[in-house]
Amino acid sequence: MATACSTGQHGPHDVYNSDCPCRDLLDLIANKWSALIIGALEPGPMRFGELRTRLGGVSAKVLTATLRRLEEAGLVEREIFAEVPPRVEYSLTRLGHSAAGPLEAMRNWAEGALDHSIAAAPAG
């Protein structure tokens, strides 16, 4: 479903059009780590170490890069507290919260469909 561009910078938004900038946003939110970060932040702010523990298996480098991309896209906000040592918390923006529901449905589907997926079949 194409949506008119509110900025007037290009034609209608259409993820099936290879030239549409909305593909960059789709690429970002469809990323495994992005979907998990958004889900982890949905209940409220978290520190970097808490996120890394919650996500399980993500390297510090990948987590940092993904958080930066989410922040640049306006989905995540980073707040630095003037404390010693400095404390940084990450939280979802309004836009990030709007992505949380659809991404939760995708995560729930993945968990529910795994047993029926070819990927779950024993190697043979």
PDB file of N, CA and C in Angstrom:
ATOM      1  N   MET A   1       0.854  -1.174   0.000  1.00  0.00           N
ATOM      2  CA  MET A   1       0.000   0.000   0.000  1.00  0.00           C
ATOM      3  C   MET A   1       0.900   1.237   0.000  1.00  0.00           C
ATOM      4  N   ALA A   2       0.862   1.985  -1.036  1.00  0.00           N
ATOM      5  CA  ALA A   2       1.683   3.182  -1.159  1.00  0.00           C
ATOM      6  C   ALA A   2       1.060   4.339  -0.376  1.00  0.00           C
ATOM      7  N   THR A   3       1.914   5.107   0.293  1.00  0.00           N
ATOM      8  CA  THR A   3       1.496   6.274   1.066  1.00  0.00           C
ATOM      9  C   THR A   3       2.206   7.491   0.498  1.00  0.00           C
ATOM     10  N   ALA A   4       1.479   8.586   0.352  1.00  0.00           N
ATOM     11  CA  ALA A   4       2.081   9.807  -0.182  1.00  0.00           C
ATOM     12  C   ALA A   4       3.184  10.298   0.745  1.00  0.00           C
ATOM     13  N   CYS A   5       4.246  10.781   0.156  1.00  0.00           N
ATOM     14  CA  CYS A   5       5.368  11.320   0.925  1.00  0.00           C
ATOM     15  C   CYS A   5       4.966  12.686   1.478  1.00  0.00           C
ATOM     16  N   SER A   6       4.993  12.808   2.806  1.00  0.00           N
ATOM     17  CA  SER A   6       4.572  14.069   3.419  1.00  0.00           C
ATOM     18  C   SER A   6       5.616  15.171   3.248  1.00  0.00           C
ATOM     19  N   THR A   7       6.866  14.797   2.945  1.00  0.00           N
ATOM     20  CA  THR A   7       7.915  15.810   2.772  1.00  0.00           C
ATOM     21  C   THR A   7       7.972  16.339   1.348  1.00  0.00           C
ATOM     22  N   GLY A   8       7.371  15.603   0.403  1.00  0.00           N
ATOM     23  CA  GLY A   8       7.416  16.004  -0.998  1.00  0.00           C
ATOM     24  C   GLY A   8       8.768  15.784  -1.655  1.00  0.00           C
ATOM     25  N   GLN A   9       9.654  15.065  -0.971  1.00  0.00           N
ATOM     26  CA  GLN A   9      10.994  14.837  -1.496  1.00  0.00           C
ATOM     27  C   GLN A   9      11.055  13.755  -2.565  1.00  0.00           C
ATOM     28  N   HIS A  10      10.019  12.931  -2.633  1.00  0.00           N
ATOM     29  CA  HIS A  10       9.971  11.863  -3.628  1.00  0.00           C
ATOM     30  C   HIS A  10       8.524  11.431  -3.813  1.00  0.00           C
ATOM     31  N   GLY A  11       8.317  10.469  -4.675  1.00  0.00           N
ATOM     32  CA  GLY A  11       6.964   9.979  -4.942  1.00  0.00           C
ATOM     33  C   GLY A  11       6.394   9.242  -3.740  1.00  0.00           C
ATOM     34  N   PRO A  12       5.323   8.494  -3.948  1.00  0.00           N
ATOM     35  CA  PRO A  12       4.686   7.786  -2.840  1.00  0.00           C
ATOM     36  C   PRO A  12       5.615   6.726  -2.231  1.00  0.00           C
ATOM     37  N   HIS A  13       5.456   6.497  -0.928  1.00  0.00           N
ATOM     38  CA  HIS A  13       6.224   5.459  -0.245  1.00  0.00           C
ATOM     39  C   HIS A  13       5.729   4.096  -0.733  1.00  0.00           C
ATOM     40  N   ASP A  14       6.654   3.254  -1.131  1.00  0.00           N
ATOM     41  CA  ASP A  14       6.313   1.920  -1.624  1.00  0.00           C
ATOM     42  C   ASP A  14       7.519   1.016  -1.408  1.00  0.00           C
ATOM     43  N   VAL A  15       7.444   0.120  -0.434  1.00  0.00           N
ATOM     44  CA  VAL A  15       8.587  -0.738  -0.113  1.00  0.00           C
ATOM     45  C   VAL A  15       8.965  -1.661  -1.261  1.00  0.00           C
ATOM     46  N   TYR A  16       8.077  -1.840  -2.211  1.00  0.00           N
ATOM     47  CA  TYR A  16       8.390  -2.694  -3.357  1.00  0.00           C
ATOM     48  C   TYR A  16       9.153  -1.942  -4.440  1.00  0.00           C
ATOM     49  N   ASN A  17       9.256  -0.641  -4.298  1.00  0.00           N
ATOM     50  CA  ASN A  17      10.021   0.179  -5.232  1.00  0.00           C
ATOM     51  C   ASN A  17      11.456   0.278  -4.714  1.00  0.00           C
ATOM     52  N   SER A  18      12.409  -0.181  -5.496  1.00  0.00           N
ATOM     53  CA  SER A  18      13.803  -0.223  -5.041  1.00  0.00           C
ATOM     54  C   SER A  18      14.383   1.158  -4.745  1.00  0.00           C
ATOM     55  N   ASP A  19      13.791   2.205  -5.264  1.00  0.00           N
ATOM     56  CA  ASP A  19      14.287   3.561  -5.029  1.00  0.00           C
ATOM     57  C   ASP A  19      13.672   4.241  -3.808  1.00  0.00           C
ATOM     58  N   CYS A  20      12.692   3.601  -3.190  1.00  0.00           N
ATOM     59  CA  CYS A  20      11.989   4.243  -2.078  1.00  0.00           C
ATOM     60  C   CYS A  20      12.841   4.186  -0.804  1.00  0.00           C
ATOM     61  N   PRO A  21      13.040   5.341  -0.156  1.00  0.00           N
ATOM     62  CA  PRO A  21      13.835   5.375   1.077  1.00  0.00           C
ATOM     63  C   PRO A  21      13.217   4.600   2.232  1.00  0.00           C
ATOM     64  N   CYS A  22      11.938   4.251   2.142  1.00  0.00           N
ATOM     65  CA  CYS A  22      11.330   3.492   3.238  1.00  0.00           C
ATOM     66  C   CYS A  22      11.936   2.100   3.339  1.00  0.00           C
ATOM     67  N   ARG A  23      12.610   1.656   2.280  1.00  0.00           N
ATOM     68  CA  ARG A  23      13.300   0.357   2.335  1.00  0.00           C
ATOM     69  C   ARG A  23      14.396   0.364   3.388  1.00  0.00           C
ATOM     70  N   ASP A  24      15.034   1.508   3.593  1.00  0.00           N
ATOM     71  CA  ASP A  24      16.076   1.594   4.618  1.00  0.00           C
ATOM     72  C   ASP A  24      15.484   1.368   6.008  1.00  0.00           C
ATOM     73  N   LEU A  25      14.305   1.931   6.249  1.00  0.00           N
ATOM     74  CA  LEU A  25      13.644   1.743   7.534  1.00  0.00           C
ATOM     75  C   LEU A  25      13.197   0.293   7.700  1.00  0.00           C
ATOM     76  N   LEU A  26      12.666  -0.286   6.627  1.00  0.00           N
ATOM     77  CA  LEU A  26      12.263  -1.691   6.663  1.00  0.00           C
ATOM     78  C   LEU A  26      13.468  -2.577   6.945  1.00  0.00           C
ATOM     79  N   ASP A  27      14.588  -2.292   6.304  1.00  0.00           N
ATOM     80  CA  ASP A  27      15.811  -3.056   6.528  1.00  0.00           C
ATOM     81  C   ASP A  27      16.229  -2.975   7.997  1.00  0.00           C
ATOM     82  N   LEU A  28      16.128  -1.805   8.576  1.00  0.00           N
ATOM     83  CA  LEU A  28      16.520  -1.616   9.969  1.00  0.00           C
ATOM     84  C   LEU A  28      15.616  -2.386  10.924  1.00  0.00           C
ATOM     85  N   ILE A  29      14.311  -2.235  10.794  1.00  0.00           N
ATOM     86  CA  ILE A  29      13.415  -2.882  11.762  1.00  0.00           C
ATOM     87  C   ILE A  29      13.283  -4.380  11.524  1.00  0.00           C
ATOM     88  N   ALA A  30      13.572  -4.848  10.315  1.00  0.00           N
ATOM     89  CA  ALA A  30      13.509  -6.282  10.034  1.00  0.00           C
ATOM     90  C   ALA A  30      14.762  -7.011  10.513  1.00  0.00           C
ATOM     91  N   ASN A  31      15.772  -6.266  10.933  1.00  0.00           N
ATOM     92  CA  ASN A  31      16.992  -6.851  11.460  1.00  0.00           C
ATOM     93  C   ASN A  31      16.693  -7.560  12.775  1.00  0.00           C
ATOM     94  N   LYS A  32      17.237  -8.746  12.953  1.00  0.00           N
ATOM     95  CA  LYS A  32      16.994  -9.541  14.166  1.00  0.00           C
ATOM     96  C   LYS A  32      17.294  -8.747  15.430  1.00  0.00           C
ATOM     97  N   TRP A  33      18.460  -8.114  15.488  1.00  0.00           N
ATOM     98  CA  TRP A  33      18.845  -7.411  16.706  1.00  0.00           C
ATOM     99  C   TRP A  33      17.970  -6.192  16.940  1.00  0.00           C
ATOM    100  N   SER A  34      17.562  -5.498  15.886  1.00  0.00           N
ATOM    101  CA  SER A  34      16.662  -4.346  16.042  1.00  0.00           C
ATOM    102  C   SER A  34      15.337  -4.790  16.635  1.00  0.00           C
ATOM    103  N   ALA A  35      14.774  -5.873  16.090  1.00  0.00           N
ATOM    104  CA  ALA A  35      13.486  -6.373  16.574  1.00  0.00           C
ATOM    105  C   ALA A  35      13.575  -6.774  18.037  1.00  0.00           C
ATOM    106  N   LEU A  36      14.695  -7.377  18.429  1.00  0.00           N
ATOM    107  CA  LEU A  36      14.859  -7.795  19.823  1.00  0.00           C
ATOM    108  C   LEU A  36      15.109  -6.600  20.748  1.00  0.00           C
ATOM    109  N   ILE A  37      15.875  -5.630  20.297  1.00  0.00           N
ATOM    110  CA  ILE A  37      16.119  -4.424  21.101  1.00  0.00           C
ATOM    111  C   ILE A  37      14.810  -3.684  21.348  1.00  0.00           C
ATOM    112  N   ILE A  38      14.022  -3.492  20.305  1.00  0.00           N
ATOM    113  CA  ILE A  38      12.747  -2.784  20.448  1.00  0.00           C
ATOM    114  C   ILE A  38      11.842  -3.528  21.423  1.00  0.00           C
ATOM    115  N   GLY A  39      11.807  -4.839  21.334  1.00  0.00           N
ATOM    116  CA  GLY A  39      11.006  -5.636  22.267  1.00  0.00           C
ATOM    117  C   GLY A  39      11.504  -5.521  23.701  1.00  0.00           C
ATOM    118  N   ALA A  40      12.817  -5.539  23.872  1.00  0.00           N
ATOM    119  CA  ALA A  40      13.385  -5.446  25.217  1.00  0.00           C
ATOM    120  C   ALA A  40      13.133  -4.081  25.846  1.00  0.00           C
ATOM    121  N   LEU A  41      13.102  -3.034  25.017  1.00  0.00           N
ATOM    122  CA  LEU A  41      12.898  -1.679  25.534  1.00  0.00           C
ATOM    123  C   LEU A  41      11.429  -1.307  25.699  1.00  0.00           C
ATOM    124  N   GLU A  42      10.535  -2.127  25.201  1.00  0.00           N
ATOM    125  CA  GLU A  42       9.112  -1.781  25.271  1.00  0.00           C
ATOM    126  C   GLU A  42       8.625  -1.534  26.709  1.00  0.00           C
ATOM    127  N   PRO A  43       9.016  -2.351  27.692  1.00  0.00           N
ATOM    128  CA  PRO A  43       8.540  -2.089  29.056  1.00  0.00           C
ATOM    129  C   PRO A  43       9.130  -0.825  29.690  1.00  0.00           C
ATOM    130  N   GLY A  44      10.298  -0.395  29.227  1.00  0.00           N
ATOM    131  CA  GLY A  44      10.895   0.800  29.803  1.00  0.00           C
ATOM    132  C   GLY A  44      12.383   0.875  29.532  1.00  0.00           C
ATOM    133  N   PRO A  45      13.024   1.969  29.985  1.00  0.00           N
ATOM    134  CA  PRO A  45      14.443   2.199  29.720  1.00  0.00           C
ATOM    135  C   PRO A  45      15.336   1.092  30.276  1.00  0.00           C
ATOM    136  N   MET A  46      16.459   0.883  29.582  1.00  0.00           N
ATOM    137  CA  MET A  46      17.459  -0.093  30.021  1.00  0.00           C
ATOM    138  C   MET A  46      18.847   0.461  29.760  1.00  0.00           C
ATOM    139  N   ARG A  47      19.784   0.016  30.568  1.00  0.00           N
ATOM    140  CA  ARG A  47      21.183   0.367  30.357  1.00  0.00           C
ATOM    141  C   ARG A  47      21.785  -0.633  29.373  1.00  0.00           C
ATOM    142  N   PHE A  48      22.952  -0.283  28.837  1.00  0.00           N
ATOM    143  CA  PHE A  48      23.612  -1.097  27.828  1.00  0.00           C
ATOM    144  C   PHE A  48      23.832  -2.533  28.317  1.00  0.00           C
ATOM    145  N   GLY A  49      24.382  -2.677  29.516  1.00  0.00           N
ATOM    146  CA  GLY A  49      24.655  -4.006  30.063  1.00  0.00           C
ATOM    147  C   GLY A  49      23.391  -4.832  30.252  1.00  0.00           C
ATOM    148  N   GLU A  50      22.315  -4.174  30.673  1.00  0.00           N
ATOM    149  CA  GLU A  50      21.033  -4.869  30.840  1.00  0.00           C
ATOM    150  C   GLU A  50      20.523  -5.371  29.496  1.00  0.00           C
ATOM    151  N   LEU A  51      20.644  -4.511  28.477  1.00  0.00           N
ATOM    152  CA  LEU A  51      20.217  -4.911  27.132  1.00  0.00           C
ATOM    153  C   LEU A  51      21.032  -6.092  26.630  1.00  0.00           C
ATOM    154  N   ARG A  52      22.325  -6.007  26.799  1.00  0.00           N
ATOM    155  CA  ARG A  52      23.207  -7.074  26.312  1.00  0.00           C
ATOM    156  C   ARG A  52      22.878  -8.400  26.993  1.00  0.00           C
ATOM    157  N   THR A  53      22.614  -8.364  28.288  1.00  0.00           N
ATOM    158  CA  THR A  53      22.238  -9.569  29.017  1.00  0.00           C
ATOM    159  C   THR A  53      20.893 -10.094  28.538  1.00  0.00           C
ATOM    160  N   ARG A  54      19.927  -9.204  28.372  1.00  0.00           N
ATOM    161  CA  ARG A  54      18.578  -9.600  27.954  1.00  0.00           C
ATOM    162  C   ARG A  54      18.590 -10.227  26.564  1.00  0.00           C
ATOM    163  N   LEU A  55      19.407  -9.692  25.663  1.00  0.00           N
ATOM    164  CA  LEU A  55      19.415 -10.178  24.282  1.00  0.00           C
ATOM    165  C   LEU A  55      20.162 -11.492  24.130  1.00  0.00           C
ATOM    166  N   GLY A  56      21.123 -11.757  24.957  1.00  0.00           N
ATOM    167  CA  GLY A  56      21.827 -13.034  24.899  1.00  0.00           C
ATOM    168  C   GLY A  56      22.458 -13.324  23.549  1.00  0.00           C
ATOM    169  N   GLY A  57      23.760 -13.281  23.472  1.00  0.00           N
ATOM    170  CA  GLY A  57      24.464 -13.644  22.249  1.00  0.00           C
ATOM    171  C   GLY A  57      24.874 -12.489  21.365  1.00  0.00           C
ATOM    172  N   VAL A  58      24.463 -11.282  21.684  1.00  0.00           N
ATOM    173  CA  VAL A  58      24.848 -10.126  20.870  1.00  0.00           C
ATOM    174  C   VAL A  58      26.183  -9.594  21.372  1.00  0.00           C
ATOM    175  N   SER A  59      27.084  -9.288  20.458  1.00  0.00           N
ATOM    176  CA  SER A  59      28.365  -8.711  20.853  1.00  0.00           C
ATOM    177  C   SER A  59      28.174  -7.239  21.193  1.00  0.00           C
ATOM    178  N   ALA A  60      29.091  -6.703  21.969  1.00  0.00           N
ATOM    179  CA  ALA A  60      29.034  -5.280  22.326  1.00  0.00           C
ATOM    180  C   ALA A  60      29.098  -4.421  21.071  1.00  0.00           C
ATOM    181  N   LYS A  61      29.916  -4.823  20.104  1.00  0.00           N
ATOM    182  CA  LYS A  61      30.072  -4.066  18.860  1.00  0.00           C
ATOM    183  C   LYS A  61      28.762  -4.017  18.068  1.00  0.00           C
ATOM    184  N   VAL A  62      28.108  -5.148  17.921  1.00  0.00           N
ATOM    185  CA  VAL A  62      26.849  -5.205  17.168  1.00  0.00           C
ATOM    186  C   VAL A  62      25.751  -4.458  17.907  1.00  0.00           C
ATOM    187  N   LEU A  63      25.691  -4.604  19.217  1.00  0.00           N
ATOM    188  CA  LEU A  63      24.677  -3.894  19.998  1.00  0.00           C
ATOM    189  C   LEU A  63      24.859  -2.391  19.874  1.00  0.00           C
ATOM    190  N   THR A  64      26.097  -1.932  19.985  1.00  0.00           N
ATOM    191  CA  THR A  64      26.387  -0.506  19.855  1.00  0.00           C
ATOM    192  C   THR A  64      25.974   0.014  18.482  1.00  0.00           C
ATOM    193  N   ALA A  65      26.352  -0.699  17.430  1.00  0.00           N
ATOM    194  CA  ALA A  65      26.026  -0.268  16.067  1.00  0.00           C
ATOM    195  C   ALA A  65      24.515  -0.252  15.837  1.00  0.00           C
ATOM    196  N   THR A  66      23.827  -1.260  16.339  1.00  0.00           N
ATOM    197  CA  THR A  66      22.369  -1.328  16.143  1.00  0.00           C
ATOM    198  C   THR A  66      21.671  -0.227  16.925  1.00  0.00           C
ATOM    199  N   LEU A  67      22.094   0.020  18.156  1.00  0.00           N
ATOM    200  CA  LEU A  67      21.502   1.109  18.941  1.00  0.00           C
ATOM    201  C   LEU A  67      21.714   2.452  18.252  1.00  0.00           C
ATOM    202  N   ARG A  68      22.883   2.658  17.672  1.00  0.00           N
ATOM    203  CA  ARG A  68      23.146   3.918  16.958  1.00  0.00           C
ATOM    204  C   ARG A  68      22.220   4.069  15.762  1.00  0.00           C
ATOM    205  N   ARG A  69      22.053   2.994  14.996  1.00  0.00           N
ATOM    206  CA  ARG A  69      21.157   3.057  13.832  1.00  0.00           C
ATOM    207  C   ARG A  69      19.719   3.327  14.262  1.00  0.00           C
ATOM    208  N   LEU A  70      19.277   2.690  15.338  1.00  0.00           N
ATOM    209  CA  LEU A  70      17.914   2.906  15.838  1.00  0.00           C
ATOM    210  C   LEU A  70      17.743   4.339  16.341  1.00  0.00           C
ATOM    211  N   GLU A  71      18.784   4.869  16.957  1.00  0.00           N
ATOM    212  CA  GLU A  71      18.745   6.256  17.432  1.00  0.00           C
ATOM    213  C   GLU A  71      18.701   7.222  16.254  1.00  0.00           C
ATOM    214  N   GLU A  72      19.526   6.982  15.249  1.00  0.00           N
ATOM    215  CA  GLU A  72      19.542   7.847  14.053  1.00  0.00           C
ATOM    216  C   GLU A  72      18.207   7.825  13.323  1.00  0.00           C
ATOM    217  N   ALA A  73      17.511   6.698  13.374  1.00  0.00           N
ATOM    218  CA  ALA A  73      16.211   6.575  12.702  1.00  0.00           C
ATOM    219  C   ALA A  73      15.070   7.141  13.547  1.00  0.00           C
ATOM    220  N   GLY A  74      15.372   7.549  14.778  1.00  0.00           N
ATOM    221  CA  GLY A  74      14.338   8.127  15.633  1.00  0.00           C
ATOM    222  C   GLY A  74      13.500   7.104  16.371  1.00  0.00           C
ATOM    223  N   LEU A  75      13.973   5.855  16.471  1.00  0.00           N
ATOM    224  CA  LEU A  75      13.226   4.803  17.151  1.00  0.00           C
ATOM    225  C   LEU A  75      13.634   4.638  18.608  1.00  0.00           C
ATOM    226  N   VAL A  76      14.889   4.974  18.897  1.00  0.00           N
ATOM    227  CA  VAL A  76      15.432   4.824  20.245  1.00  0.00           C
ATOM    228  C   VAL A  76      16.053   6.152  20.665  1.00  0.00           C
ATOM    229  N   GLU A  77      15.929   6.426  21.953  1.00  0.00           N
ATOM    230  CA  GLU A  77      16.513   7.633  22.533  1.00  0.00           C
ATOM    231  C   GLU A  77      17.575   7.211  23.542  1.00  0.00           C
ATOM    232  N   ARG A  78      18.676   7.921  23.538  1.00  0.00           N
ATOM    233  CA  ARG A  78      19.784   7.660  24.463  1.00  0.00           C
ATOM    234  C   ARG A  78      19.871   8.831  25.425  1.00  0.00           C
ATOM    235  N   GLU A  79      19.791   8.537  26.722  1.00  0.00           N
ATOM    236  CA  GLU A  79      19.865   9.590  27.729  1.00  0.00           C
ATOM    237  C   GLU A  79      21.096   9.376  28.600  1.00  0.00           C
ATOM    238  N   ILE A  80      21.913  10.421  28.703  1.00  0.00           N
ATOM    239  CA  ILE A  80      23.127  10.381  29.504  1.00  0.00           C
ATOM    240  C   ILE A  80      22.874  11.148  30.794  1.00  0.00           C
ATOM    241  N   PHE A  81      23.117  10.491  31.926  1.00  0.00           N
ATOM    242  CA  PHE A  81      22.925  11.117  33.230  1.00  0.00           C
ATOM    243  C   PHE A  81      24.274  11.613  33.748  1.00  0.00           C
ATOM    244  N   ALA A  82      24.285  12.823  34.258  1.00  0.00           N
ATOM    245  CA  ALA A  82      25.515  13.430  34.771  1.00  0.00           C
ATOM    246  C   ALA A  82      25.818  12.875  36.152  1.00  0.00           C
ATOM    247  N   GLU A  83      26.354  11.683  36.172  1.00  0.00           N
ATOM    248  CA  GLU A  83      26.717  11.008  37.410  1.00  0.00           C
ATOM    249  C   GLU A  83      28.147  10.506  37.275  1.00  0.00           C
ATOM    250  N   VAL A  84      28.732  10.111  38.378  1.00  0.00           N
ATOM    251  CA  VAL A  84      30.065   9.510  38.348  1.00  0.00           C
ATOM    252  C   VAL A  84      29.928   8.103  38.923  1.00  0.00           C
ATOM    253  N   PRO A  85      30.171   7.068  38.130  1.00  0.00           N
ATOM    254  CA  PRO A  85      30.459   7.117  36.689  1.00  0.00           C
ATOM    255  C   PRO A  85      29.197   7.479  35.902  1.00  0.00           C
ATOM    256  N   PRO A  86      29.384   7.959  34.657  1.00  0.00           N
ATOM    257  CA  PRO A  86      28.226   8.338  33.835  1.00  0.00           C
ATOM    258  C   PRO A  86      27.286   7.155  33.627  1.00  0.00           C
ATOM    259  N   ARG A  87      26.006   7.452  33.613  1.00  0.00           N
ATOM    260  CA  ARG A  87      24.993   6.418  33.386  1.00  0.00           C
ATOM    261  C   ARG A  87      24.260   6.769  32.102  1.00  0.00           C
ATOM    262  N   VAL A  88      24.082   5.760  31.240  1.00  0.00           N
ATOM    263  CA  VAL A  88      23.380   5.941  29.971  1.00  0.00           C
ATOM    264  C   VAL A  88      22.217   4.959  29.929  1.00  0.00           C
ATOM    265  N   GLU A  89      21.048   5.456  29.563  1.00  0.00           N
ATOM    266  CA  GLU A  89      19.874   4.601  29.413  1.00  0.00           C
ATOM    267  C   GLU A  89      19.309   4.775  28.012  1.00  0.00           C
ATOM    268  N   TYR A  90      18.765   3.680  27.500  1.00  0.00           N
ATOM    269  CA  TYR A  90      18.129   3.667  26.194  1.00  0.00           C
ATOM    270  C   TYR A  90      16.641   3.422  26.391  1.00  0.00           C
ATOM    271  N   SER A  91      15.831   4.128  25.613  1.00  0.00           N
ATOM    272  CA  SER A  91      14.380   3.953  25.678  1.00  0.00           C
ATOM    273  C   SER A  91      13.790   4.139  24.291  1.00  0.00           C
ATOM    274  N   LEU A  92      12.568   3.673  24.123  1.00  0.00           N
ATOM    275  CA  LEU A  92      11.875   3.831  22.847  1.00  0.00           C
ATOM    276  C   LEU A  92      11.267   5.225  22.747  1.00  0.00           C
ATOM    277  N   THR A  93      11.311   5.778  21.564  1.00  0.00           N
ATOM    278  CA  THR A  93      10.605   7.016  21.270  1.00  0.00           C
ATOM    279  C   THR A  93       9.157   6.652  20.936  1.00  0.00           C
ATOM    280  N   ARG A  94       8.351   7.643  20.659  1.00  0.00           N
ATOM    281  CA  ARG A  94       6.967   7.382  20.235  1.00  0.00           C
ATOM    282  C   ARG A  94       6.968   6.522  18.966  1.00  0.00           C
ATOM    283  N   LEU A  95       7.857   6.848  18.024  1.00  0.00           N
ATOM    284  CA  LEU A  95       7.964   6.059  16.800  1.00  0.00           C
ATOM    285  C   LEU A  95       8.395   4.629  17.110  1.00  0.00           C
ATOM    286  N   GLY A  96       9.341   4.465  18.030  1.00  0.00           N
ATOM    287  CA  GLY A  96       9.785   3.134  18.434  1.00  0.00           C
ATOM    288  C   GLY A  96       8.657   2.320  19.040  1.00  0.00           C
ATOM    289  N   HIS A  97       7.849   2.970  19.877  1.00  0.00           N
ATOM    290  CA  HIS A  97       6.693   2.276  20.466  1.00  0.00           C
ATOM    291  C   HIS A  97       5.704   1.857  19.378  1.00  0.00           C
ATOM    292  N   SER A  98       5.573   2.663  18.328  1.00  0.00           N
ATOM    293  CA  SER A  98       4.626   2.302  17.253  1.00  0.00           C
ATOM    294  C   SER A  98       5.103   1.075  16.484  1.00  0.00           C
ATOM    295  N   ALA A  99       6.407   0.808  16.502  1.00  0.00           N
ATOM    296  CA  ALA A  99       6.944  -0.383  15.837  1.00  0.00           C
ATOM    297  C   ALA A  99       6.890  -1.611  16.738  1.00  0.00           C
ATOM    298  N   ALA A 100       6.748  -1.408  18.042  1.00  0.00           N
ATOM    299  CA  ALA A 100       6.817  -2.512  19.001  1.00  0.00           C
ATOM    300  C   ALA A 100       5.732  -3.563  18.796  1.00  0.00           C
ATOM    301  N   GLY A 101       4.506  -3.137  18.533  1.00  0.00           N
ATOM    302  CA  GLY A 101       3.398  -4.087  18.357  1.00  0.00           C
ATOM    303  C   GLY A 101       3.599  -5.027  17.177  1.00  0.00           C
ATOM    304  N   PRO A 102       3.829  -4.480  15.995  1.00  0.00           N
ATOM    305  CA  PRO A 102       4.063  -5.370  14.843  1.00  0.00           C
ATOM    306  C   PRO A 102       5.283  -6.286  15.040  1.00  0.00           C
ATOM    307  N   LEU A 103       6.331  -5.771  15.673  1.00  0.00           N
ATOM    308  CA  LEU A 103       7.515  -6.599  15.897  1.00  0.00           C
ATOM    309  C   LEU A 103       7.247  -7.677  16.942  1.00  0.00           C
ATOM    310  N   GLU A 104       6.407  -7.372  17.934  1.00  0.00           N
ATOM    311  CA  GLU A 104       6.023  -8.389  18.913  1.00  0.00           C
ATOM    312  C   GLU A 104       5.270  -9.522  18.223  1.00  0.00           C
ATOM    313  N   ALA A 105       4.376  -9.155  17.314  1.00  0.00           N
ATOM    314  CA  ALA A 105       3.639 -10.183  16.568  1.00  0.00           C
ATOM    315  C   ALA A 105       4.600 -11.063  15.768  1.00  0.00           C
ATOM    316  N   MET A 106       5.618 -10.453  15.177  1.00  0.00           N
ATOM    317  CA  MET A 106       6.591 -11.222  14.404  1.00  0.00           C
ATOM    318  C   MET A 106       7.399 -12.152  15.326  1.00  0.00           C
ATOM    319  N   ARG A 107       7.835 -11.662  16.489  1.00  0.00           N
ATOM    320  CA  ARG A 107       8.579 -12.507  17.431  1.00  0.00           C
ATOM    321  C   ARG A 107       7.704 -13.654  17.929  1.00  0.00           C
ATOM    322  N   ASN A 108       6.447 -13.363  18.260  1.00  0.00           N
ATOM    323  CA  ASN A 108       5.529 -14.408  18.721  1.00  0.00           C
ATOM    324  C   ASN A 108       5.295 -15.447  17.642  1.00  0.00           C
ATOM    325  N   TRP A 109       5.149 -14.997  16.409  1.00  0.00           N
ATOM    326  CA  TRP A 109       4.960 -15.923  15.301  1.00  0.00           C
ATOM    327  C   TRP A 109       6.170 -16.843  15.174  1.00  0.00           C
ATOM    328  N   ALA A 110       7.382 -16.277  15.249  1.00  0.00           N
ATOM    329  CA  ALA A 110       8.609 -17.071  15.118  1.00  0.00           C
ATOM    330  C   ALA A 110       8.678 -18.145  16.204  1.00  0.00           C
ATOM    331  N   GLU A 111       8.337 -17.774  17.435  1.00  0.00           N
ATOM    332  CA  GLU A 111       8.359 -18.753  18.523  1.00  0.00           C
ATOM    333  C   GLU A 111       7.311 -19.847  18.310  1.00  0.00           C
ATOM    334  N   GLY A 112       6.119 -19.461  17.858  1.00  0.00           N
ATOM    335  CA  GLY A 112       5.036 -20.424  17.662  1.00  0.00           C
ATOM    336  C   GLY A 112       5.207 -21.306  16.440  1.00  0.00           C
ATOM    337  N   ALA A 113       5.861 -20.799  15.414  1.00  0.00           N
ATOM    338  CA  ALA A 113       6.001 -21.538  14.156  1.00  0.00           C
ATOM    339  C   ALA A 113       7.261 -22.388  14.093  1.00  0.00           C
ATOM    340  N   LEU A 114       8.150 -22.217  15.041  1.00  0.00           N
ATOM    341  CA  LEU A 114       9.441 -22.900  14.964  1.00  0.00           C
ATOM    342  C   LEU A 114       9.309 -24.406  14.805  1.00  0.00           C
ATOM    343  N   ASP A 115       8.444 -25.018  15.574  1.00  0.00           N
ATOM    344  CA  ASP A 115       8.305 -26.470  15.512  1.00  0.00           C
ATOM    345  C   ASP A 115       7.777 -26.954  14.160  1.00  0.00           C
ATOM    346  N   HIS A 116       7.135 -26.077  13.421  1.00  0.00           N
ATOM    347  CA  HIS A 116       6.596 -26.442  12.108  1.00  0.00           C
ATOM    348  C   HIS A 116       7.500 -25.991  10.969  1.00  0.00           C
ATOM    349  N   SER A 117       8.569 -25.330  11.302  1.00  0.00           N
ATOM    350  CA  SER A 117       9.453 -24.751  10.295  1.00  0.00           C
ATOM    351  C   SER A 117      10.443 -25.789   9.791  1.00  0.00           C
ATOM    352  N   ILE A 118      10.805 -25.647   8.527  1.00  0.00           N
ATOM    353  CA  ILE A 118      11.832 -26.507   7.931  1.00  0.00           C
ATOM    354  C   ILE A 118      13.143 -26.310   8.674  1.00  0.00           C
ATOM    355  N   ALA A 119      13.375 -25.083   9.161  1.00  0.00           N
ATOM    356  CA  ALA A 119      14.623 -24.774   9.875  1.00  0.00           C
ATOM    357  C   ALA A 119      14.752 -25.614  11.136  1.00  0.00           C
ATOM    358  N   ALA A 120      13.640 -26.079  11.699  1.00  0.00           N
ATOM    359  CA  ALA A 120      13.679 -26.875  12.922  1.00  0.00           C
ATOM    360  C   ALA A 120      13.863 -28.354  12.638  1.00  0.00           C
ATOM    361  N   ALA A 121      13.791 -28.740  11.365  1.00  0.00           N
ATOM    362  CA  ALA A 121      13.942 -30.160  11.003  1.00  0.00           C
ATOM    363  C   ALA A 121      15.356 -30.624  11.298  1.00  0.00           C
ATOM    364  N   PRO A 122      15.489 -31.855  11.773  1.00  0.00           N
ATOM    365  CA  PRO A 122      16.839 -32.376  12.046  1.00  0.00           C
ATOM    366  C   PRO A 122      17.675 -32.452  10.782  1.00  0.00           C
ATOM    367  N   ALA A 123      18.960 -32.138  10.928  1.00  0.00           N
ATOM    368  CA  ALA A 123      19.872 -32.196   9.766  1.00  0.00           C
ATOM    369  C   ALA A 123      19.960 -33.645   9.304  1.00  0.00           C
ATOM    370  N   GLY A 124      19.989 -33.804   8.019  1.00  0.00           N
ATOM    371  CA  GLY A 124      20.002 -35.190   7.555  1.00  0.00           C
ATOM    372  C   GLY A 124      20.700 -35.305   6.308  1.00  0.00           C
TER     373      GLY A 124
END
